[in-house]
């Protein structure tokens, strides 16, 4: 009687061999497809990162700005006055140290108007160094009477700001807009002001 087991075993081995040979070439296209996806993703990231790096190089350095606008004040008398300031920014990634010297006029009570200088420093948190950078800031300084009557020649002032800086493409120049809330101590009642400004920076 003939033993059919060797034939059956050989048929099973041939079937496995055919299956293995058929499945092997399928992995090649999948690997090539995955590699092409990774290459495409890397090119997209590199393309997006290049403008970001250029923008960071243009904005992440010292800036000087001149701003002007209106101060709405309440120093025992409510009024509006032109406001101007020169400011210097020293950025480090998302933190900006800003020094500012502002000037405006205000009437206190029924007495004549006085002219005030406002030297102060703010620490501002802004979005990562891109061309459009919204920011918020907190700081303080002094309100100094330059001309006219005043209860105190020097008074402490604290401020909070909300604004945005916009850099012109391929340059380090730009524009900025801001609303700054100011509180002033000293005297009988103290006072407060809100400053709305626009300006240029370079």
N, C-alpha and C. Protein backbone atom coordinates (compact mmCIF):
# COMPACT_ATOMS: atom_id res chain seq x y z
N UNK A 1 0.86 -1.21 0.00
CA UNK A 1 0.00 0.00 0.00
C UNK A 1 0.89 1.24 0.00
N UNK A 2 0.57 2.19 -0.91
CA UNK A 2 1.42 3.37 -1.07
C UNK A 2 1.08 4.43 -0.02
N UNK A 3 2.14 4.97 0.60
CA UNK A 3 1.95 6.01 1.63
C UNK A 3 1.80 7.36 0.94
N UNK A 4 0.68 8.03 1.12
CA UNK A 4 0.40 9.31 0.46
C UNK A 4 0.84 10.50 1.30
N UNK A 5 1.32 10.27 2.53
CA UNK A 5 1.70 11.39 3.40
C UNK A 5 2.85 12.22 2.86
N UNK A 6 3.90 11.61 2.30
CA UNK A 6 4.97 12.46 1.74
C UNK A 6 4.45 13.38 0.66
N UNK A 7 3.50 12.84 -0.21
CA UNK A 7 2.98 13.69 -1.27
C UNK A 7 2.17 14.85 -0.67
N UNK A 8 1.37 14.51 0.31
CA UNK A 8 0.57 15.58 0.94
C UNK A 8 1.46 16.62 1.58
N UNK A 9 2.54 16.19 2.27
CA UNK A 9 3.46 17.14 2.89
C UNK A 9 4.11 18.02 1.85
N UNK A 10 4.51 17.44 0.74
CA UNK A 10 5.17 18.23 -0.29
C UNK A 10 4.21 19.23 -0.90
N UNK A 11 2.92 18.83 -1.05
CA UNK A 11 1.93 19.77 -1.59
C UNK A 11 1.71 20.94 -0.64
N UNK A 12 1.67 20.66 0.66
CA UNK A 12 1.51 21.73 1.65
C UNK A 12 2.69 22.69 1.60
N UNK A 13 3.93 22.14 1.51
CA UNK A 13 5.11 22.99 1.45
C UNK A 13 5.09 23.86 0.21
N UNK A 14 4.69 23.27 -0.94
CA UNK A 14 4.63 24.06 -2.17
C UNK A 14 3.59 25.17 -2.07
N UNK A 15 2.45 24.82 -1.40
CA UNK A 15 1.40 25.84 -1.22
C UNK A 15 1.91 26.99 -0.37
N UNK A 16 2.65 26.67 0.74
CA UNK A 16 3.22 27.73 1.59
C UNK A 16 4.24 28.53 0.83
N UNK A 17 5.05 27.86 0.01
CA UNK A 17 6.07 28.57 -0.77
C UNK A 17 5.43 29.55 -1.74
N UNK A 18 4.34 29.09 -2.42
CA UNK A 18 3.67 29.98 -3.37
C UNK A 18 3.07 31.19 -2.65
N UNK A 19 2.48 30.91 -1.45
CA UNK A 19 1.89 32.02 -0.67
C UNK A 19 2.96 33.02 -0.25
N UNK A 20 4.13 32.50 0.19
CA UNK A 20 5.22 33.37 0.60
C UNK A 20 5.74 34.18 -0.55
N UNK A 21 5.86 33.57 -1.71
CA UNK A 21 6.37 34.28 -2.88
C UNK A 21 5.39 35.34 -3.36
N UNK A 22 4.07 35.03 -3.21
CA UNK A 22 3.08 36.02 -3.65
C UNK A 22 3.05 37.24 -2.72
N UNK A 23 3.23 37.03 -1.39
CA UNK A 23 3.10 38.13 -0.43
C UNK A 23 4.34 38.99 -0.35
N UNK A 24 5.48 38.47 -0.73
CA UNK A 24 6.72 39.23 -0.58
C UNK A 24 6.75 40.49 -1.41
N UNK A 25 6.37 40.48 -2.71
CA UNK A 25 6.45 41.70 -3.48
C UNK A 25 5.49 42.78 -3.03
N UNK A 26 4.41 42.41 -2.28
CA UNK A 26 3.41 43.42 -1.89
C UNK A 26 3.99 44.42 -0.92
N UNK A 27 4.98 44.03 -0.09
CA UNK A 27 5.54 44.93 0.91
C UNK A 27 6.30 46.07 0.28
N UNK A 28 6.87 45.85 -0.90
CA UNK A 28 7.69 46.89 -1.55
C UNK A 28 6.92 48.16 -1.82
N UNK A 29 5.78 48.11 -2.53
CA UNK A 29 5.02 49.34 -2.79
C UNK A 29 4.56 50.03 -1.53
N UNK A 30 4.16 49.27 -0.49
CA UNK A 30 3.74 49.89 0.77
C UNK A 30 4.88 50.67 1.40
N UNK A 31 6.07 50.07 1.40
CA UNK A 31 7.22 50.77 1.97
C UNK A 31 7.54 52.03 1.18
N UNK A 32 7.47 51.94 -0.15
CA UNK A 32 7.74 53.11 -0.98
C UNK A 32 6.69 54.18 -0.75
N UNK A 33 5.42 53.77 -0.58
CA UNK A 33 4.35 54.74 -0.35
C UNK A 33 4.55 55.46 0.99
N UNK A 34 4.88 54.71 2.05
CA UNK A 34 5.13 55.31 3.36
C UNK A 34 6.32 56.24 3.32
N UNK A 35 7.37 55.82 2.60
CA UNK A 35 8.56 56.68 2.49
C UNK A 35 8.23 57.97 1.77
N UNK A 36 7.41 57.89 0.73
CA UNK A 36 7.04 59.11 0.00
C UNK A 36 6.20 60.04 0.88
N UNK A 37 5.32 59.46 1.73
CA UNK A 37 4.53 60.29 2.65
C UNK A 37 5.43 61.00 3.65
N UNK A 38 6.41 60.29 4.19
CA UNK A 38 7.33 60.90 5.14
C UNK A 38 8.14 62.01 4.48
N UNK A 39 8.58 61.78 3.24
CA UNK A 39 9.35 62.80 2.52
C UNK A 39 8.51 64.03 2.26
N UNK A 40 7.24 63.81 1.86
CA UNK A 40 6.35 64.94 1.62
C UNK A 40 6.11 65.74 2.89
N UNK A 41 5.87 65.05 4.00
CA UNK A 41 5.66 65.74 5.28
C UNK A 41 6.89 66.53 5.69
N UNK A 42 8.08 65.96 5.48
CA UNK A 42 9.32 66.66 5.83
C UNK A 42 9.49 67.92 5.00
N UNK A 43 9.14 67.84 3.70
CA UNK A 43 9.25 69.02 2.84
C UNK A 43 8.27 70.11 3.26
N UNK A 44 7.05 69.71 3.64
CA UNK A 44 6.06 70.69 4.10
C UNK A 44 6.53 71.39 5.37
N UNK A 45 7.05 70.61 6.33
CA UNK A 45 7.54 71.19 7.59
C UNK A 45 8.70 72.15 7.31
N UNK A 46 9.61 71.74 6.43
CA UNK A 46 10.75 72.59 6.11
C UNK A 46 10.30 73.89 5.45
N UNK A 47 9.29 73.78 4.57
CA UNK A 47 8.78 74.98 3.90
C UNK A 47 8.14 75.94 4.87
N UNK A 48 7.37 75.39 5.84
CA UNK A 48 6.72 76.25 6.83
C UNK A 48 7.71 76.82 7.83
N UNK A 49 8.74 76.06 8.15
CA UNK A 49 9.70 76.50 9.15
C UNK A 49 10.60 77.60 8.64
N UNK A 50 10.87 77.63 7.33
CA UNK A 50 11.79 78.62 6.78
C UNK A 50 11.26 80.03 6.95
N UNK A 51 9.99 80.35 6.57
CA UNK A 51 9.49 81.70 6.83
C UNK A 51 9.45 82.05 8.30
N UNK A 52 9.12 81.04 9.15
CA UNK A 52 9.08 81.30 10.58
C UNK A 52 10.44 81.69 11.10
N UNK A 53 11.48 80.98 10.65
CA UNK A 53 12.84 81.30 11.07
C UNK A 53 13.25 82.68 10.59
N UNK A 54 12.87 83.01 9.35
CA UNK A 54 13.19 84.34 8.84
C UNK A 54 12.46 85.43 9.62
N UNK A 55 11.17 85.17 9.91
CA UNK A 55 10.40 86.15 10.69
C UNK A 55 11.01 86.33 12.07
N UNK A 56 11.44 85.23 12.70
CA UNK A 56 12.04 85.32 14.03
C UNK A 56 13.31 86.15 13.99
N UNK A 57 14.11 85.98 12.92
CA UNK A 57 15.34 86.74 12.81
C UNK A 57 15.07 88.22 12.64
N UNK A 58 13.94 88.57 12.00
CA UNK A 58 13.61 89.96 11.75
C UNK A 58 12.98 90.65 12.95
N UNK A 59 12.25 89.93 13.78
CA UNK A 59 11.52 90.57 14.87
C UNK A 59 12.16 90.36 16.23
N UNK A 60 13.01 89.36 16.37
CA UNK A 60 13.56 89.03 17.68
C UNK A 60 14.85 89.81 17.95
N UNK A 61 14.75 91.14 17.85
CA UNK A 61 15.88 92.00 18.18
C UNK A 61 15.34 93.35 18.65
N UNK A 62 16.22 94.24 19.05
CA UNK A 62 15.86 95.55 19.59
C UNK A 62 15.00 96.34 18.59
N UNK A 63 13.91 96.94 19.09
CA UNK A 63 13.06 97.80 18.28
C UNK A 63 12.87 99.14 18.97
N UNK A 64 12.78 100.18 18.15
CA UNK A 64 12.49 101.53 18.62
C UNK A 64 11.19 101.96 17.97
N UNK A 65 10.30 102.59 18.73
CA UNK A 65 9.01 102.98 18.16
C UNK A 65 8.59 104.36 18.67
N UNK A 66 7.78 105.01 17.85
CA UNK A 66 7.16 106.29 18.20
C UNK A 66 5.66 106.11 18.04
N UNK A 67 4.89 106.43 19.08
CA UNK A 67 3.45 106.24 19.05
C UNK A 67 2.74 107.53 19.42
N UNK A 68 1.51 107.64 18.98
CA UNK A 68 0.70 108.80 19.32
C UNK A 68 -0.77 108.42 19.35
N UNK A 69 -1.55 109.22 20.07
CA UNK A 69 -2.97 108.92 20.15
C UNK A 69 -3.67 109.84 21.14
N UNK A 70 -4.60 109.26 21.89
CA UNK A 70 -5.43 110.03 22.82
C UNK A 70 -5.41 109.39 24.19
N UNK A 71 -5.33 110.23 25.22
CA UNK A 71 -5.46 109.77 26.61
C UNK A 71 -6.79 110.26 27.16
N UNK A 72 -7.60 109.32 27.60
CA UNK A 72 -8.86 109.66 28.28
C UNK A 72 -8.59 109.53 29.78
N UNK A 73 -8.56 110.67 30.49
CA UNK A 73 -8.10 110.67 31.88
C UNK A 73 -9.21 111.10 32.84
N UNK A 74 -9.00 110.73 34.09
CA UNK A 74 -9.88 111.15 35.19
C UNK A 74 -9.00 111.46 36.39
N UNK A 75 -8.61 112.73 36.51
CA UNK A 75 -7.81 113.22 37.65
C UNK A 75 -8.63 114.27 38.40
N UNK A 76 -9.72 113.85 39.01
CA UNK A 76 -10.70 114.75 39.62
C UNK A 76 -11.38 115.62 38.57
N UNK A 77 -10.98 115.47 37.36
CA UNK A 77 -11.61 116.13 36.22
C UNK A 77 -11.48 115.16 35.04
N UNK A 78 -12.58 114.92 34.34
CA UNK A 78 -12.57 113.98 33.22
C UNK A 78 -12.34 114.74 31.93
N UNK A 79 -11.43 114.25 31.11
CA UNK A 79 -11.14 114.91 29.86
C UNK A 79 -10.32 114.03 28.92
N UNK A 80 -10.05 114.56 27.74
CA UNK A 80 -9.24 113.90 26.73
C UNK A 80 -8.06 114.79 26.36
N UNK A 81 -6.94 114.16 26.05
CA UNK A 81 -5.75 114.92 25.72
C UNK A 81 -4.92 114.14 24.71
N UNK A 82 -4.22 114.84 23.81
CA UNK A 82 -3.27 114.13 22.95
C UNK A 82 -2.19 113.46 23.79
N UNK A 83 -1.76 112.31 23.32
CA UNK A 83 -0.74 111.54 24.04
C UNK A 83 0.31 111.08 23.04
N UNK A 84 1.57 111.14 23.46
CA UNK A 84 2.66 110.65 22.62
C UNK A 84 3.71 109.97 23.47
N UNK A 85 4.47 109.07 22.85
CA UNK A 85 5.51 108.35 23.60
C UNK A 85 6.56 107.81 22.64
N UNK A 86 7.77 107.69 23.15
CA UNK A 86 8.83 106.96 22.47
C UNK A 86 9.10 105.71 23.31
N UNK A 87 9.28 104.56 22.62
CA UNK A 87 9.41 103.30 23.32
C UNK A 87 10.52 102.46 22.70
N UNK A 88 11.18 101.68 23.55
CA UNK A 88 12.24 100.78 23.12
C UNK A 88 11.93 99.38 23.61
N UNK A 89 11.95 98.41 22.70
CA UNK A 89 11.60 97.02 23.03
C UNK A 89 12.84 96.14 22.95
N UNK A 90 13.03 95.32 23.97
CA UNK A 90 14.09 94.31 23.96
C UNK A 90 13.39 92.95 24.08
N UNK A 91 13.17 92.25 22.95
CA UNK A 91 12.45 90.98 23.00
C UNK A 91 13.37 89.80 23.24
N UNK A 92 12.83 88.80 23.88
CA UNK A 92 13.49 87.50 24.01
C UNK A 92 12.41 86.44 23.86
N UNK A 93 12.28 85.92 22.62
CA UNK A 93 11.23 84.95 22.30
C UNK A 93 9.87 85.57 22.61
N UNK A 94 9.16 85.08 23.60
CA UNK A 94 7.81 85.55 23.86
C UNK A 94 7.73 86.60 24.96
N UNK A 95 8.86 87.00 25.53
CA UNK A 95 8.89 88.03 26.57
C UNK A 95 9.58 89.28 26.02
N UNK A 96 8.93 90.43 26.21
CA UNK A 96 9.48 91.70 25.75
C UNK A 96 9.60 92.64 26.94
N UNK A 97 10.79 93.21 27.11
CA UNK A 97 10.99 94.28 28.10
C UNK A 97 10.91 95.60 27.36
N UNK A 98 9.98 96.45 27.77
CA UNK A 98 9.76 97.71 27.07
C UNK A 98 9.98 98.89 28.01
N UNK A 99 10.83 99.81 27.57
CA UNK A 99 11.00 101.09 28.26
C UNK A 99 10.25 102.17 27.49
N UNK A 100 9.56 103.04 28.20
CA UNK A 100 8.71 104.04 27.53
C UNK A 100 8.83 105.39 28.22
N UNK A 101 8.75 106.44 27.42
CA UNK A 101 8.67 107.81 27.95
C UNK A 101 7.53 108.50 27.23
N UNK A 102 6.43 108.75 27.98
CA UNK A 102 5.24 109.37 27.39
C UNK A 102 5.05 110.79 27.88
N UNK A 103 4.18 111.52 27.17
CA UNK A 103 3.87 112.90 27.55
C UNK A 103 2.41 113.20 27.19
N UNK A 104 1.71 113.90 28.10
CA UNK A 104 0.34 114.32 27.84
C UNK A 104 -0.03 115.44 28.81
N UNK A 105 -1.18 116.06 28.56
CA UNK A 105 -1.69 117.11 29.43
C UNK A 105 -2.97 116.63 30.11
N UNK A 106 -3.21 117.13 31.30
CA UNK A 106 -4.45 116.80 32.01
C UNK A 106 -4.82 117.92 32.97
N UNK A 107 -6.11 118.09 33.17
CA UNK A 107 -6.60 119.08 34.11
C UNK A 107 -6.98 118.36 35.40
N UNK A 108 -6.55 118.89 36.53
CA UNK A 108 -6.85 118.30 37.83
C UNK A 108 -7.83 119.21 38.56
N UNK A 109 -9.06 118.74 38.72
CA UNK A 109 -10.07 119.56 39.38
C UNK A 109 -10.38 120.80 38.55
N UNK A 110 -10.41 121.93 39.22
CA UNK A 110 -10.73 123.18 38.54
C UNK A 110 -9.48 123.98 38.19
N UNK A 111 -8.30 123.45 38.53
CA UNK A 111 -7.08 124.20 38.27
C UNK A 111 -6.67 124.03 36.80
N UNK A 112 -5.69 124.81 36.39
CA UNK A 112 -5.26 124.80 35.00
C UNK A 112 -4.63 123.46 34.64
N UNK A 113 -4.47 123.26 33.34
CA UNK A 113 -3.87 122.02 32.87
C UNK A 113 -2.40 121.93 33.26
N UNK A 114 -1.97 120.70 33.48
CA UNK A 114 -0.56 120.42 33.74
C UNK A 114 -0.05 119.46 32.66
N UNK A 115 1.23 119.56 32.37
CA UNK A 115 1.88 118.64 31.42
C UNK A 115 2.65 117.60 32.20
N UNK A 116 2.45 116.34 31.84
CA UNK A 116 3.06 115.23 32.58
C UNK A 116 3.98 114.41 31.68
N UNK A 117 5.08 113.97 32.27
CA UNK A 117 5.96 112.97 31.66
C UNK A 117 5.70 111.63 32.35
N UNK A 118 5.75 110.55 31.57
CA UNK A 118 5.49 109.22 32.12
C UNK A 118 6.63 108.28 31.75
N UNK A 119 7.69 108.23 32.57
CA UNK A 119 8.71 107.19 32.36
C UNK A 119 8.28 105.89 33.03
N UNK A 120 8.36 104.79 32.31
CA UNK A 120 7.92 103.51 32.89
C UNK A 120 8.56 102.34 32.15
N UNK A 121 8.43 101.17 32.75
CA UNK A 121 8.90 99.91 32.19
C UNK A 121 7.76 98.91 32.24
N UNK A 122 7.58 98.16 31.15
CA UNK A 122 6.58 97.09 31.12
C UNK A 122 7.25 95.77 30.71
N UNK A 123 6.72 94.69 31.24
CA UNK A 123 7.08 93.35 30.80
C UNK A 123 5.88 92.78 30.06
N UNK A 124 6.09 92.42 28.82
CA UNK A 124 4.99 92.02 27.96
C UNK A 124 5.17 90.57 27.50
N UNK A 125 4.05 89.86 27.43
CA UNK A 125 4.04 88.49 26.90
C UNK A 125 3.37 88.52 25.54
N UNK A 126 4.11 88.10 24.51
CA UNK A 126 3.57 88.10 23.17
C UNK A 126 3.63 86.69 22.57
N UNK A 127 2.86 86.50 21.50
CA UNK A 127 2.92 85.22 20.81
C UNK A 127 4.32 85.02 20.24
N UNK A 128 4.63 83.76 19.87
CA UNK A 128 5.95 83.44 19.32
C UNK A 128 6.30 84.41 18.21
N UNK A 129 7.62 84.65 18.00
CA UNK A 129 8.03 85.71 17.06
C UNK A 129 7.57 85.47 15.63
N UNK A 130 6.35 85.94 15.33
CA UNK A 130 5.79 85.89 13.99
C UNK A 130 5.60 87.34 13.52
N UNK A 131 5.06 87.50 12.33
CA UNK A 131 4.90 88.86 11.80
C UNK A 131 3.78 89.62 12.52
N UNK A 132 2.73 88.93 12.95
CA UNK A 132 1.65 89.54 13.72
C UNK A 132 1.73 88.98 15.13
N UNK A 133 1.98 89.87 16.12
CA UNK A 133 2.26 89.42 17.48
C UNK A 133 1.38 90.14 18.50
N UNK A 134 0.20 89.62 18.81
CA UNK A 134 -0.58 90.20 19.91
C UNK A 134 0.17 90.05 21.23
N UNK A 135 -0.07 90.96 22.15
CA UNK A 135 0.62 90.89 23.44
C UNK A 135 -0.22 91.51 24.54
N UNK A 136 0.13 91.14 25.77
CA UNK A 136 -0.41 91.78 26.97
C UNK A 136 0.78 92.15 27.85
N UNK A 137 0.63 93.19 28.65
CA UNK A 137 1.75 93.63 29.46
C UNK A 137 1.34 94.22 30.79
N UNK A 138 2.28 94.20 31.73
CA UNK A 138 2.12 94.82 33.04
C UNK A 138 3.39 95.59 33.36
N UNK A 139 3.24 96.74 34.01
CA UNK A 139 4.43 97.51 34.35
C UNK A 139 4.12 98.64 35.30
N UNK A 140 5.09 99.51 35.44
CA UNK A 140 4.93 100.64 36.35
C UNK A 140 6.02 101.66 36.14
N UNK A 141 5.84 102.83 36.74
CA UNK A 141 6.81 103.90 36.62
C UNK A 141 6.37 105.09 37.44
N UNK A 142 6.56 106.26 36.85
CA UNK A 142 6.27 107.51 37.55
C UNK A 142 5.50 108.47 36.66
N UNK A 143 4.66 109.28 37.27
CA UNK A 143 3.99 110.39 36.60
C UNK A 143 4.62 111.67 37.14
N UNK A 144 5.37 112.35 36.30
CA UNK A 144 6.12 113.54 36.73
C UNK A 144 5.48 114.79 36.14
N UNK A 145 5.26 115.79 36.97
CA UNK A 145 4.71 117.06 36.51
C UNK A 145 5.81 117.89 35.86
N UNK A 146 5.62 118.17 34.56
CA UNK A 146 6.63 118.94 33.82
C UNK A 146 6.33 120.43 33.89
N UNK A 147 5.10 120.83 33.68
CA UNK A 147 4.70 122.24 33.78
C UNK A 147 3.30 122.31 34.40
N UNK A 148 2.97 123.46 34.97
CA UNK A 148 1.64 123.68 35.52
C UNK A 148 1.53 123.26 36.97
N UNK A 149 0.39 123.57 37.60
CA UNK A 149 0.18 123.23 39.01
C UNK A 149 -0.04 121.73 39.19
N UNK A 150 0.28 121.24 40.39
CA UNK A 150 0.10 119.82 40.68
C UNK A 150 0.12 119.61 42.18
N UNK A 151 -0.60 118.58 42.62
CA UNK A 151 -0.57 118.20 44.03
C UNK A 151 0.79 117.62 44.41
N UNK A 152 1.34 116.80 43.51
CA UNK A 152 2.65 116.17 43.73
C UNK A 152 3.45 116.28 42.44
N UNK A 153 4.74 116.50 42.57
CA UNK A 153 5.59 116.57 41.38
C UNK A 153 5.88 115.19 40.84
N UNK A 154 5.91 114.20 41.70
CA UNK A 154 6.13 112.81 41.28
C UNK A 154 5.09 111.92 41.93
N UNK A 155 4.48 111.06 41.13
CA UNK A 155 3.53 110.09 41.65
C UNK A 155 3.76 108.74 40.97
N UNK A 156 3.58 107.67 41.73
CA UNK A 156 3.74 106.33 41.16
C UNK A 156 2.57 106.00 40.24
N UNK A 157 2.86 105.24 39.20
CA UNK A 157 1.82 104.81 38.27
C UNK A 157 2.02 103.35 37.89
N UNK A 158 0.95 102.62 37.79
CA UNK A 158 0.98 101.24 37.31
C UNK A 158 0.16 101.14 36.04
N UNK A 159 0.51 100.21 35.16
CA UNK A 159 -0.19 100.14 33.88
C UNK A 159 -0.33 98.70 33.42
N UNK A 160 -1.37 98.48 32.60
CA UNK A 160 -1.60 97.20 31.93
C UNK A 160 -1.93 97.51 30.48
N UNK A 161 -1.42 96.71 29.56
CA UNK A 161 -1.59 97.00 28.14
C UNK A 161 -2.08 95.78 27.38
N UNK A 162 -2.80 96.05 26.28
CA UNK A 162 -3.22 95.04 25.32
C UNK A 162 -2.95 95.63 23.94
N UNK A 163 -2.23 94.91 23.10
CA UNK A 163 -1.91 95.46 21.80
C UNK A 163 -1.41 94.41 20.83
N UNK A 164 -0.88 94.90 19.70
CA UNK A 164 -0.33 94.00 18.68
C UNK A 164 0.76 94.73 17.92
N UNK A 165 1.81 93.98 17.57
CA UNK A 165 2.87 94.47 16.70
C UNK A 165 2.79 93.72 15.37
N UNK A 166 2.98 94.44 14.27
CA UNK A 166 2.94 93.84 12.94
C UNK A 166 4.20 94.25 12.20
N UNK A 167 4.97 93.26 11.75
CA UNK A 167 6.21 93.53 11.02
C UNK A 167 5.97 93.41 9.52
N UNK A 168 6.50 94.37 8.75
CA UNK A 168 6.38 94.34 7.30
C UNK A 168 7.28 93.23 6.75
N UNK A 169 6.77 92.38 5.84
CA UNK A 169 7.58 91.27 5.32
C UNK A 169 8.91 91.74 4.73
N UNK A 170 9.95 90.93 4.98
CA UNK A 170 11.33 91.13 4.49
C UNK A 170 12.01 92.34 5.11
N UNK A 171 11.39 92.98 6.11
CA UNK A 171 12.01 94.11 6.78
C UNK A 171 11.89 93.93 8.29
N UNK A 172 12.56 94.79 9.03
CA UNK A 172 12.40 94.81 10.49
C UNK A 172 11.49 95.95 10.94
N UNK A 173 10.91 96.69 9.98
CA UNK A 173 10.01 97.79 10.29
C UNK A 173 8.58 97.29 10.40
N UNK A 174 7.75 98.07 11.08
CA UNK A 174 6.37 97.66 11.24
C UNK A 174 5.53 98.72 11.91
N UNK A 175 4.33 98.32 12.30
CA UNK A 175 3.39 99.20 12.99
C UNK A 175 2.91 98.51 14.26
N UNK A 176 2.33 99.29 15.14
CA UNK A 176 1.82 98.74 16.39
C UNK A 176 0.61 99.55 16.84
N UNK A 177 -0.30 98.87 17.52
CA UNK A 177 -1.46 99.52 18.10
C UNK A 177 -1.66 99.00 19.52
N UNK A 178 -2.17 99.86 20.40
CA UNK A 178 -2.24 99.47 21.81
C UNK A 178 -3.31 100.25 22.55
N UNK A 179 -3.87 99.59 23.57
CA UNK A 179 -4.69 100.26 24.59
C UNK A 179 -4.00 100.02 25.93
N UNK A 180 -3.69 101.11 26.63
CA UNK A 180 -2.97 101.01 27.91
C UNK A 180 -3.82 101.62 29.01
N UNK A 181 -4.06 100.83 30.06
CA UNK A 181 -4.83 101.27 31.22
C UNK A 181 -3.86 101.70 32.31
N UNK A 182 -4.09 102.90 32.86
CA UNK A 182 -3.13 103.46 33.81
C UNK A 182 -3.83 103.87 35.11
N UNK A 183 -3.22 103.53 36.23
CA UNK A 183 -3.67 104.00 37.53
C UNK A 183 -2.59 104.87 38.14
N UNK A 184 -3.00 105.94 38.79
CA UNK A 184 -2.05 106.90 39.36
C UNK A 184 -2.34 107.06 40.84
N UNK A 185 -1.31 106.94 41.68
CA UNK A 185 -1.48 107.10 43.12
C UNK A 185 -1.05 108.48 43.58
N UNK A 186 -1.23 108.75 44.87
CA UNK A 186 -0.82 110.03 45.43
C UNK A 186 -1.94 111.06 45.37
N UNK A 187 -1.76 112.16 46.04
CA UNK A 187 -2.80 113.19 46.07
C UNK A 187 -3.96 112.72 46.93
N UNK A 188 -5.08 113.42 46.80
CA UNK A 188 -6.25 113.07 47.59
C UNK A 188 -6.97 111.86 47.01
N UNK A 189 -7.22 111.91 45.70
CA UNK A 189 -8.01 110.85 45.07
C UNK A 189 -7.21 110.00 44.09
N UNK A 190 -6.02 110.40 43.73
CA UNK A 190 -5.30 109.70 42.68
C UNK A 190 -5.99 109.93 41.35
N UNK A 191 -5.96 108.94 40.49
CA UNK A 191 -6.61 109.09 39.19
C UNK A 191 -6.32 107.90 38.31
N UNK A 192 -6.86 107.96 37.10
CA UNK A 192 -6.63 106.89 36.13
C UNK A 192 -6.74 107.45 34.73
N UNK A 193 -6.26 106.68 33.78
CA UNK A 193 -6.31 107.10 32.38
C UNK A 193 -6.29 105.87 31.50
N UNK A 194 -6.83 106.03 30.29
CA UNK A 194 -6.76 104.99 29.25
C UNK A 194 -6.15 105.64 28.02
N UNK A 195 -5.08 105.04 27.49
CA UNK A 195 -4.34 105.60 26.37
C UNK A 195 -4.54 104.72 25.13
N UNK A 196 -5.02 105.33 24.05
CA UNK A 196 -5.23 104.64 22.78
C UNK A 196 -4.16 105.15 21.80
N UNK A 197 -3.29 104.28 21.35
CA UNK A 197 -2.17 104.74 20.52
C UNK A 197 -1.96 103.86 19.30
N UNK A 198 -1.42 104.48 18.25
CA UNK A 198 -0.91 103.81 17.05
C UNK A 198 0.48 104.36 16.79
N UNK A 199 1.33 103.56 16.17
CA UNK A 199 2.68 104.06 15.91
C UNK A 199 3.46 103.20 14.94
N UNK A 200 4.68 103.65 14.69
CA UNK A 200 5.60 102.95 13.79
C UNK A 200 6.79 102.46 14.60
N UNK A 201 7.36 101.32 14.17
CA UNK A 201 8.54 100.79 14.82
C UNK A 201 9.58 100.39 13.79
N UNK A 202 10.82 100.40 14.21
CA UNK A 202 11.92 99.99 13.32
C UNK A 202 13.07 99.47 14.15
